[in-house]
Amino acid sequence: MHELKRVVKSLKSDLDKIISKNLSLEIKKSSVSDFKTQQNNSLIKSVFTNITLLEKHSRRLTKHPLDEIWFKSHPLDEIWFQINALKRTKDPNKMLNSVDMIAGVLAGLPQKSSIKIPNINHAIQEEVHADIEEMNRCFNAGCYRSAIIICGRILETALHRKYFEITGNDLLEKAPGIGLGNLIAKLSSKNIDLDPALGNQIHLINQVRIHSVHKKQKAFTPSKTQTRAIMLYTTDVINKLFL
């Protein structure tokens, strides 16, 4: 446990320095006399080394019987979820957020979501931010289905705006009851080119939303980790739509 906390502290320190220097997480070529670039490269390498150590030590924890009581009251899956998030991104700010979440779990603090969406179109900014705040409140209260339903609403708002920006047609007026699936089809019919990965994310969010909204033979109960994943997918889609 001590070693894991040490790695988390070291990783947080590295990311703080990278953010303060406004560095990207890419190793750059340097000459023998270019000490500044060498120093920055060393800092970047330290980040990825610490992520590897973080994964290594987190897996070791479950092998120690003395930690059994700790794990009964602390979500280890949350630590692994954040480690996977660290490995999937090279955005220092997102990485720092994941490290802070891990540090909070290790400290035994209650984990709260504070997901925000930057760079949203000003015309829908107020509405989307209000939905995000409500989504966060639902998540923090353990109302995971409600949080996922709001994710669908946020996505609909963003896609309606994107359609309007490109076509000049407001589907909220002409087809106010259009569903998320039909809205995606409308975008495709107008040759609005969405990255395949982005399209897959949208369909995944929509499918989980449908299971959360509509009555099924077997009740759908998303886990905390599943819900956080959908929330992160939603914010990622919005960010890419309004680059």
C-alpha atoms as a PDB file:
ATOM      1  CA  MET A   1       0.000   0.000   0.000  1.00  0.00           C
ATOM      2  CA  HIS A   2       2.797   2.403   0.927  1.00  0.00           C
ATOM      3  CA  GLU A   3       4.593   1.818  -2.386  1.00  0.00           C
ATOM      4  CA  LEU A   4       1.400   2.410  -4.361  1.00  0.00           C
ATOM      5  CA  LYS A   5       0.791   5.705  -2.597  1.00  0.00           C
ATOM      6  CA  ARG A   6       4.404   6.722  -3.260  1.00  0.00           C
ATOM      7  CA  VAL A   7       3.988   6.063  -6.998  1.00  0.00           C
ATOM      8  CA  VAL A   8       0.717   8.033  -7.089  1.00  0.00           C
ATOM      9  CA  LYS A   9       2.410  10.977  -5.364  1.00  0.00           C
ATOM     10  CA  SER A  10       5.351  10.844  -7.791  1.00  0.00           C
ATOM     11  CA  LEU A  11       3.044  10.635 -10.834  1.00  0.00           C
ATOM     12  CA  LYS A  12       0.985  13.575  -9.617  1.00  0.00           C
ATOM     13  CA  SER A  13       4.172  15.626  -9.146  1.00  0.00           C
ATOM     14  CA  ASP A  14       5.370  14.784 -12.672  1.00  0.00           C
ATOM     15  CA  LEU A  15       2.044  15.738 -14.253  1.00  0.00           C
ATOM     16  CA  ASP A  16       1.872  18.995 -12.287  1.00  0.00           C
ATOM     17  CA  LYS A  17       5.286  19.938 -13.704  1.00  0.00           C
ATOM     18  CA  ILE A  18       4.318  18.967 -17.255  1.00  0.00           C
ATOM     19  CA  ILE A  19       1.117  21.010 -17.074  1.00  0.00           C
ATOM     20  CA  SER A  20       2.914  24.021 -15.591  1.00  0.00           C
ATOM     21  CA  LYS A  21       5.479  23.859 -18.425  1.00  0.00           C
ATOM     22  CA  ASN A  22       2.720  23.348 -21.009  1.00  0.00           C
ATOM     23  CA  LEU A  23       4.457  20.259 -22.392  1.00  0.00           C
ATOM     24  CA  SER A  24       3.003  17.527 -24.563  1.00  0.00           C
ATOM     25  CA  LEU A  25       3.714  13.915 -23.680  1.00  0.00           C
ATOM     26  CA  GLU A  26       5.943  13.325 -26.684  1.00  0.00           C
ATOM     27  CA  ILE A  27       9.661  12.625 -26.509  1.00  0.00           C
ATOM     28  CA  LYS A  28      11.610  15.119 -28.619  1.00  0.00           C
ATOM     29  CA  LYS A  29      14.997  14.720 -30.233  1.00  0.00           C
ATOM     30  CA  SER A  30      17.770  16.534 -28.427  1.00  0.00           C
ATOM     31  CA  SER A  31      21.455  17.180 -28.845  1.00  0.00           C
ATOM     32  CA  VAL A  32      24.056  16.402 -26.180  1.00  0.00           C
ATOM     33  CA  SER A  33      24.114  20.059 -25.164  1.00  0.00           C
ATOM     34  CA  ASP A  34      20.348  20.553 -25.165  1.00  0.00           C
ATOM     35  CA  PHE A  35      19.861  20.058 -21.426  1.00  0.00           C
ATOM     36  CA  LYS A  36      16.381  21.598 -21.299  1.00  0.00           C
ATOM     37  CA  THR A  37      14.912  19.141 -23.814  1.00  0.00           C
ATOM     38  CA  GLN A  38      16.728  16.260 -22.119  1.00  0.00           C
ATOM     39  CA  GLN A  39      15.214  17.302 -18.791  1.00  0.00           C
ATOM     40  CA  ASN A  40      11.718  17.499 -20.290  1.00  0.00           C
ATOM     41  CA  ASN A  41      12.134  14.097 -21.956  1.00  0.00           C
ATOM     42  CA  SER A  42      13.212  12.612 -18.638  1.00  0.00           C
ATOM     43  CA  LEU A  43      10.090  14.032 -17.002  1.00  0.00           C
ATOM     44  CA  ILE A  44       7.843  12.552 -19.712  1.00  0.00           C
ATOM     45  CA  LYS A  45       9.530   9.137 -19.409  1.00  0.00           C
ATOM     46  CA  SER A  46       8.994   9.284 -15.654  1.00  0.00           C
ATOM     47  CA  VAL A  47       5.228   9.690 -16.208  1.00  0.00           C
ATOM     48  CA  PHE A  48       4.950   6.512 -18.256  1.00  0.00           C
ATOM     49  CA  THR A  49       7.285   4.612 -15.924  1.00  0.00           C
ATOM     50  CA  ASN A  50       5.090   5.562 -12.981  1.00  0.00           C
ATOM     51  CA  ILE A  51       1.926   4.482 -14.819  1.00  0.00           C
ATOM     52  CA  THR A  52       3.516   1.051 -15.361  1.00  0.00           C
ATOM     53  CA  LEU A  53       4.489   0.890 -11.678  1.00  0.00           C
ATOM     54  CA  LEU A  54       1.012   2.012 -10.662  1.00  0.00           C
ATOM     55  CA  GLU A  55      -0.553  -0.881 -12.557  1.00  0.00           C
ATOM     56  CA  LYS A  56       2.027  -3.316 -11.180  1.00  0.00           C
ATOM     57  CA  HIS A  57       1.563  -2.339  -7.527  1.00  0.00           C
ATOM     58  CA  SER A  58      -2.240  -2.160  -7.756  1.00  0.00           C
ATOM     59  CA  ARG A  59      -2.325  -5.781  -8.925  1.00  0.00           C
ATOM     60  CA  ARG A  60      -0.009  -6.851  -6.134  1.00  0.00           C
ATOM     61  CA  LEU A  61      -2.322  -5.433  -3.487  1.00  0.00           C
ATOM     62  CA  THR A  62      -4.909  -8.188  -3.834  1.00  0.00           C
ATOM     63  CA  LYS A  63      -2.258 -10.784  -2.942  1.00  0.00           C
ATOM     64  CA  HIS A  64      -1.754  -9.380   0.547  1.00  0.00           C
ATOM     65  CA  PRO A  65      -4.176 -10.844   3.164  1.00  0.00           C
ATOM     66  CA  LEU A  66      -3.606  -7.868   5.464  1.00  0.00           C
ATOM     67  CA  ASP A  67      -5.327  -5.643   2.913  1.00  0.00           C
ATOM     68  CA  GLU A  68      -8.516  -7.734   2.753  1.00  0.00           C
ATOM     69  CA  ILE A  69     -10.436  -5.511   5.205  1.00  0.00           C
ATOM     70  CA  TRP A  70      -9.383  -2.380   3.314  1.00  0.00           C
ATOM     71  CA  PHE A  71     -10.684  -3.738   0.028  1.00  0.00           C
ATOM     72  CA  LYS A  72     -14.097  -4.508   1.507  1.00  0.00           C
ATOM     73  CA  SER A  73     -14.711  -0.795   1.936  1.00  0.00           C
ATOM     74  CA  HIS A  74     -12.698   0.666  -0.983  1.00  0.00           C
ATOM     75  CA  PRO A  75     -13.470   0.091  -4.687  1.00  0.00           C
ATOM     76  CA  LEU A  76     -10.405  -1.498  -6.258  1.00  0.00           C
ATOM     77  CA  ASP A  77     -12.223  -1.555  -9.619  1.00  0.00           C
ATOM     78  CA  GLU A  78     -12.252   2.259  -9.492  1.00  0.00           C
ATOM     79  CA  ILE A  79      -8.434   2.257  -9.248  1.00  0.00           C
ATOM     80  CA  TRP A  80      -8.130  -0.083 -12.215  1.00  0.00           C
ATOM     81  CA  PHE A  81     -10.647   1.952 -14.188  1.00  0.00           C
ATOM     82  CA  GLN A  82      -8.577   5.098 -13.674  1.00  0.00           C
ATOM     83  CA  ILE A  83      -5.344   3.278 -14.551  1.00  0.00           C
ATOM     84  CA  ASN A  84      -6.919   2.192 -17.845  1.00  0.00           C
ATOM     85  CA  ALA A  85      -8.010   5.788 -18.418  1.00  0.00           C
ATOM     86  CA  LEU A  86      -4.408   6.892 -17.861  1.00  0.00           C
ATOM     87  CA  LYS A  87      -3.192   4.431 -20.472  1.00  0.00           C
ATOM     88  CA  ARG A  88      -5.768   5.540 -23.074  1.00  0.00           C
ATOM     89  CA  THR A  89      -4.965   9.252 -23.109  1.00  0.00           C
ATOM     90  CA  LYS A  90      -1.994  11.541 -23.531  1.00  0.00           C
ATOM     91  CA  ASP A  91      -3.807  14.607 -22.220  1.00  0.00           C
ATOM     92  CA  PRO A  92      -1.912  15.656 -19.039  1.00  0.00           C
ATOM     93  CA  ASN A  93      -5.014  17.300 -17.529  1.00  0.00           C
ATOM     94  CA  LYS A  94      -7.162  14.188 -17.974  1.00  0.00           C
ATOM     95  CA  MET A  95      -4.322  12.081 -16.592  1.00  0.00           C
ATOM     96  CA  LEU A  96      -4.038  14.314 -13.542  1.00  0.00           C
ATOM     97  CA  ASN A  97      -7.771  13.956 -12.938  1.00  0.00           C
ATOM     98  CA  SER A  98      -7.424  10.152 -12.946  1.00  0.00           C
ATOM     99  CA  VAL A  99      -4.451  10.322 -10.573  1.00  0.00           C
ATOM    100  CA  ASP A 100      -6.444  12.523  -8.194  1.00  0.00           C
ATOM    101  CA  MET A 101      -9.293   9.981  -8.257  1.00  0.00           C
ATOM    102  CA  ILE A 102      -6.861   7.161  -7.413  1.00  0.00           C
ATOM    103  CA  ALA A 103      -5.324   9.220  -4.614  1.00  0.00           C
ATOM    104  CA  GLY A 104      -8.793   9.842  -3.218  1.00  0.00           C
ATOM    105  CA  VAL A 105      -9.623   6.123  -3.193  1.00  0.00           C
ATOM    106  CA  LEU A 106      -6.333   5.307  -1.465  1.00  0.00           C
ATOM    107  CA  ALA A 107      -6.998   7.983   1.123  1.00  0.00           C
ATOM    108  CA  GLY A 108     -10.447   6.527   1.811  1.00  0.00           C
ATOM    109  CA  LEU A 109     -12.199   9.681   0.661  1.00  0.00           C
ATOM    110  CA  PRO A 110     -15.655   9.540  -0.937  1.00  0.00           C
ATOM    111  CA  GLN A 111     -15.307   9.670  -4.713  1.00  0.00           C
ATOM    112  CA  LYS A 112     -17.260  12.365  -6.450  1.00  0.00           C
ATOM    113  CA  SER A 113     -17.613  13.137 -10.105  1.00  0.00           C
ATOM    114  CA  SER A 114     -16.924  16.644 -11.346  1.00  0.00           C
ATOM    115  CA  ILE A 115     -16.848  16.052 -15.091  1.00  0.00           C
ATOM    116  CA  LYS A 116     -16.928  19.224 -17.129  1.00  0.00           C
ATOM    117  CA  ILE A 117     -17.105  19.918 -20.868  1.00  0.00           C
ATOM    118  CA  PRO A 118     -14.897  22.684 -22.272  1.00  0.00           C
ATOM    119  CA  ASN A 119     -15.178  24.283 -25.715  1.00  0.00           C
ATOM    120  CA  ILE A 120     -18.928  23.715 -26.079  1.00  0.00           C
ATOM    121  CA  ASN A 121     -20.781  25.931 -28.555  1.00  0.00           C
ATOM    122  CA  HIS A 122     -21.943  29.087 -26.744  1.00  0.00           C
ATOM    123  CA  ALA A 123     -25.532  28.669 -27.996  1.00  0.00           C
ATOM    124  CA  ILE A 124     -26.009  25.489 -25.946  1.00  0.00           C
ATOM    125  CA  GLN A 125     -23.369  26.097 -23.291  1.00  0.00           C
ATOM    126  CA  GLU A 126     -25.724  27.058 -20.469  1.00  0.00           C
ATOM    127  CA  GLU A 127     -28.099  24.148 -21.115  1.00  0.00           C
ATOM    128  CA  VAL A 128     -25.325  21.563 -21.378  1.00  0.00           C
ATOM    129  CA  HIS A 129     -23.523  22.813 -18.289  1.00  0.00           C
ATOM    130  CA  ALA A 130     -26.776  22.602 -16.308  1.00  0.00           C
ATOM    131  CA  ASP A 131     -27.213  18.997 -17.474  1.00  0.00           C
ATOM    132  CA  ILE A 132     -23.618  18.177 -16.528  1.00  0.00           C
ATOM    133  CA  GLU A 133     -24.136  19.499 -13.019  1.00  0.00           C
ATOM    134  CA  GLU A 134     -27.281  17.381 -12.662  1.00  0.00           C
ATOM    135  CA  MET A 135     -25.486  14.359 -14.119  1.00  0.00           C
ATOM    136  CA  ASN A 136     -22.716  14.772 -11.542  1.00  0.00           C
ATOM    137  CA  ARG A 137     -25.244  15.066  -8.719  1.00  0.00           C
ATOM    138  CA  CYS A 138     -26.992  11.870  -9.857  1.00  0.00           C
ATOM    139  CA  PHE A 139     -23.698  10.006 -10.075  1.00  0.00           C
ATOM    140  CA  ASN A 140     -22.523  11.175  -6.664  1.00  0.00           C
ATOM    141  CA  ALA A 141     -25.859  10.126  -5.149  1.00  0.00           C
ATOM    142  CA  GLY A 142     -25.540   6.642  -6.664  1.00  0.00           C
ATOM    143  CA  CYS A 143     -28.399   7.210  -9.136  1.00  0.00           C
ATOM    144  CA  TYR A 144     -26.508   5.664 -12.034  1.00  0.00           C
ATOM    145  CA  ARG A 145     -29.419   5.057 -14.412  1.00  0.00           C
ATOM    146  CA  SER A 146     -30.445   8.695 -14.039  1.00  0.00           C
ATOM    147  CA  ALA A 147     -26.891   9.844 -14.812  1.00  0.00           C
ATOM    148  CA  ILE A 148     -26.857   7.738 -17.996  1.00  0.00           C
ATOM    149  CA  ILE A 149     -30.250   9.104 -19.095  1.00  0.00           C
ATOM    150  CA  ILE A 150     -28.876  12.634 -18.760  1.00  0.00           C
ATOM    151  CA  CYS A 151     -25.874  11.588 -20.854  1.00  0.00           C
ATOM    152  CA  GLY A 152     -28.345  10.807 -23.641  1.00  0.00           C
ATOM    153  CA  ARG A 153     -29.957  14.217 -23.248  1.00  0.00           C
ATOM    154  CA  ILE A 154     -26.572  15.968 -23.416  1.00  0.00           C
ATOM    155  CA  LEU A 155     -25.702  14.022 -26.548  1.00  0.00           C
ATOM    156  CA  GLU A 156     -29.017  14.878 -28.213  1.00  0.00           C
ATOM    157  CA  THR A 157     -28.509  18.587 -27.474  1.00  0.00           C
ATOM    158  CA  ALA A 158     -25.018  18.533 -28.977  1.00  0.00           C
ATOM    159  CA  LEU A 159     -25.978  16.560 -32.092  1.00  0.00           C
ATOM    160  CA  HIS A 160     -28.981  18.816 -32.755  1.00  0.00           C
ATOM    161  CA  ARG A 161     -26.654  21.823 -32.600  1.00  0.00           C
ATOM    162  CA  LYS A 162     -24.087  20.182 -34.866  1.00  0.00           C
ATOM    163  CA  TYR A 163     -26.800  19.378 -37.434  1.00  0.00           C
ATOM    164  CA  PHE A 164     -28.027  22.990 -37.333  1.00  0.00           C
ATOM    165  CA  GLU A 165     -24.507  24.416 -37.754  1.00  0.00           C
ATOM    166  CA  ILE A 166     -23.883  22.323 -40.871  1.00  0.00           C
ATOM    167  CA  THR A 167     -27.319  22.348 -42.550  1.00  0.00           C
ATOM    168  CA  GLY A 168     -28.986  25.495 -41.211  1.00  0.00           C
ATOM    169  CA  ASN A 169     -32.067  23.388 -40.397  1.00  0.00           C
ATOM    170  CA  ASP A 170     -33.363  23.232 -36.839  1.00  0.00           C
ATOM    171  CA  LEU A 171     -34.691  19.722 -36.206  1.00  0.00           C
ATOM    172  CA  LEU A 172     -35.935  20.815 -32.793  1.00  0.00           C
ATOM    173  CA  GLU A 173     -38.581  22.811 -34.660  1.00  0.00           C
ATOM    174  CA  LYS A 174     -39.228  20.500 -37.625  1.00  0.00           C
ATOM    175  CA  ALA A 175     -38.918  17.153 -35.813  1.00  0.00           C
ATOM    176  CA  PRO A 176     -38.986  17.815 -32.073  1.00  0.00           C
ATOM    177  CA  GLY A 177     -39.661  14.178 -31.181  1.00  0.00           C
ATOM    178  CA  ILE A 178     -36.832  12.688 -33.216  1.00  0.00           C
ATOM    179  CA  GLY A 179     -34.910  10.034 -31.287  1.00  0.00           C
ATOM    180  CA  LEU A 180     -31.168   9.836 -30.881  1.00  0.00           C
ATOM    181  CA  GLY A 181     -30.878   6.936 -33.345  1.00  0.00           C
ATOM    182  CA  ASN A 182     -32.853   8.818 -36.023  1.00  0.00           C
ATOM    183  CA  LEU A 183     -30.821  11.944 -35.350  1.00  0.00           C
ATOM    184  CA  ILE A 184     -27.610  10.034 -36.065  1.00  0.00           C
ATOM    185  CA  ALA A 185     -29.185   8.709 -39.279  1.00  0.00           C
ATOM    186  CA  LYS A 186     -30.108  12.287 -40.282  1.00  0.00           C
ATOM    187  CA  LEU A 187     -26.498  13.361 -39.820  1.00  0.00           C
ATOM    188  CA  SER A 188     -25.332  10.484 -42.013  1.00  0.00           C
ATOM    189  CA  SER A 189     -27.891  11.295 -44.726  1.00  0.00           C
ATOM    190  CA  LYS A 190     -26.436  14.808 -44.973  1.00  0.00           C
ATOM    191  CA  ASN A 191     -22.952  13.329 -45.496  1.00  0.00           C
ATOM    192  CA  ILE A 192     -21.820  14.693 -42.150  1.00  0.00           C
ATOM    193  CA  ASP A 193     -18.673  12.655 -41.724  1.00  0.00           C
ATOM    194  CA  LEU A 194     -18.251  11.355 -38.184  1.00  0.00           C
ATOM    195  CA  ASP A 195     -15.089   9.533 -37.228  1.00  0.00           C
ATOM    196  CA  PRO A 196     -15.944   5.776 -37.068  1.00  0.00           C
ATOM    197  CA  ALA A 197     -14.753   5.570 -33.473  1.00  0.00           C
ATOM    198  CA  LEU A 198     -16.913   8.566 -32.593  1.00  0.00           C
ATOM    199  CA  GLY A 199     -19.935   6.949 -34.241  1.00  0.00           C
ATOM    200  CA  ASN A 200     -19.354   3.774 -32.228  1.00  0.00           C
ATOM    201  CA  GLN A 201     -19.197   5.776 -29.014  1.00  0.00           C
ATOM    202  CA  ILE A 202     -22.480   7.535 -29.833  1.00  0.00           C
ATOM    203  CA  HIS A 203     -24.229   4.234 -30.574  1.00  0.00           C
ATOM    204  CA  LEU A 204     -22.892   2.712 -27.347  1.00  0.00           C
ATOM    205  CA  ILE A 205     -24.155   5.639 -25.270  1.00  0.00           C
ATOM    206  CA  ASN A 206     -27.524   5.422 -27.004  1.00  0.00           C
ATOM    207  CA  GLN A 207     -27.854   1.667 -26.398  1.00  0.00           C
ATOM    208  CA  VAL A 208     -27.046   2.003 -22.693  1.00  0.00           C
ATOM    209  CA  ARG A 209     -29.457   4.951 -22.464  1.00  0.00           C
ATOM    210  CA  ILE A 210     -32.236   2.871 -24.055  1.00  0.00           C
ATOM    211  CA  HIS A 211     -31.701   0.087 -21.500  1.00  0.00           C
ATOM    212  CA  SER A 212     -31.795   2.697 -18.727  1.00  0.00           C
ATOM    213  CA  VAL A 213     -34.989   4.399 -19.944  1.00  0.00           C
ATOM    214  CA  HIS A 214     -37.224   1.613 -21.251  1.00  0.00           C
ATOM    215  CA  LYS A 215     -38.762  -1.195 -19.257  1.00  0.00           C
ATOM    216  CA  LYS A 216     -37.192  -4.585 -19.939  1.00  0.00           C
ATOM    217  CA  GLN A 217     -37.947  -8.097 -18.748  1.00  0.00           C
ATOM    218  CA  LYS A 218     -34.825  -7.903 -16.649  1.00  0.00           C
ATOM    219  CA  ALA A 219     -34.045  -4.621 -14.913  1.00  0.00           C
ATOM    220  CA  PHE A 220     -30.848  -2.923 -16.078  1.00  0.00           C
ATOM    221  CA  THR A 221     -28.677  -1.779 -13.187  1.00  0.00           C
ATOM    222  CA  PRO A 222     -25.467  -0.124 -14.374  1.00  0.00           C
ATOM    223  CA  SER A 223     -22.474  -0.225 -12.043  1.00  0.00           C
ATOM    224  CA  LYS A 224     -20.564   2.817 -10.903  1.00  0.00           C
ATOM    225  CA  THR A 225     -17.713   1.967 -13.275  1.00  0.00           C
ATOM    226  CA  GLN A 226     -20.061   1.467 -16.250  1.00  0.00           C
ATOM    227  CA  THR A 227     -21.762   4.771 -15.529  1.00  0.00           C
ATOM    228  CA  ARG A 228     -18.493   6.671 -15.268  1.00  0.00           C
ATOM    229  CA  ALA A 229     -17.385   5.149 -18.578  1.00  0.00           C
ATOM    230  CA  ILE A 230     -20.570   6.375 -20.311  1.00  0.00           C
ATOM    231  CA  MET A 231     -20.128   9.827 -18.766  1.00  0.00           C
ATOM    232  CA  LEU A 232     -16.535  10.012 -20.032  1.00  0.00           C
ATOM    233  CA  TYR A 233     -17.573   8.736 -23.469  1.00  0.00           C
ATOM    234  CA  THR A 234     -20.245  11.440 -23.596  1.00  0.00           C
ATOM    235  CA  THR A 235     -17.841  14.254 -22.740  1.00  0.00           C
ATOM    236  CA  ASP A 236     -15.311  12.893 -25.225  1.00  0.00           C
ATOM    237  CA  VAL A 237     -17.919  12.902 -28.014  1.00  0.00           C
ATOM    238  CA  ILE A 238     -18.913  16.490 -27.237  1.00  0.00           C
ATOM    239  CA  ASN A 239     -15.314  17.670 -27.194  1.00  0.00           C
ATOM    240  CA  LYS A 240     -14.641  16.069 -30.594  1.00  0.00           C
ATOM    241  CA  LEU A 241     -17.838  17.431 -32.133  1.00  0.00           C
ATOM    242  CA  PHE A 242     -16.875  21.011 -31.288  1.00  0.00           C
ATOM    243  CA  LEU A 243     -13.115  21.002 -31.901  1.00  0.00           C
END
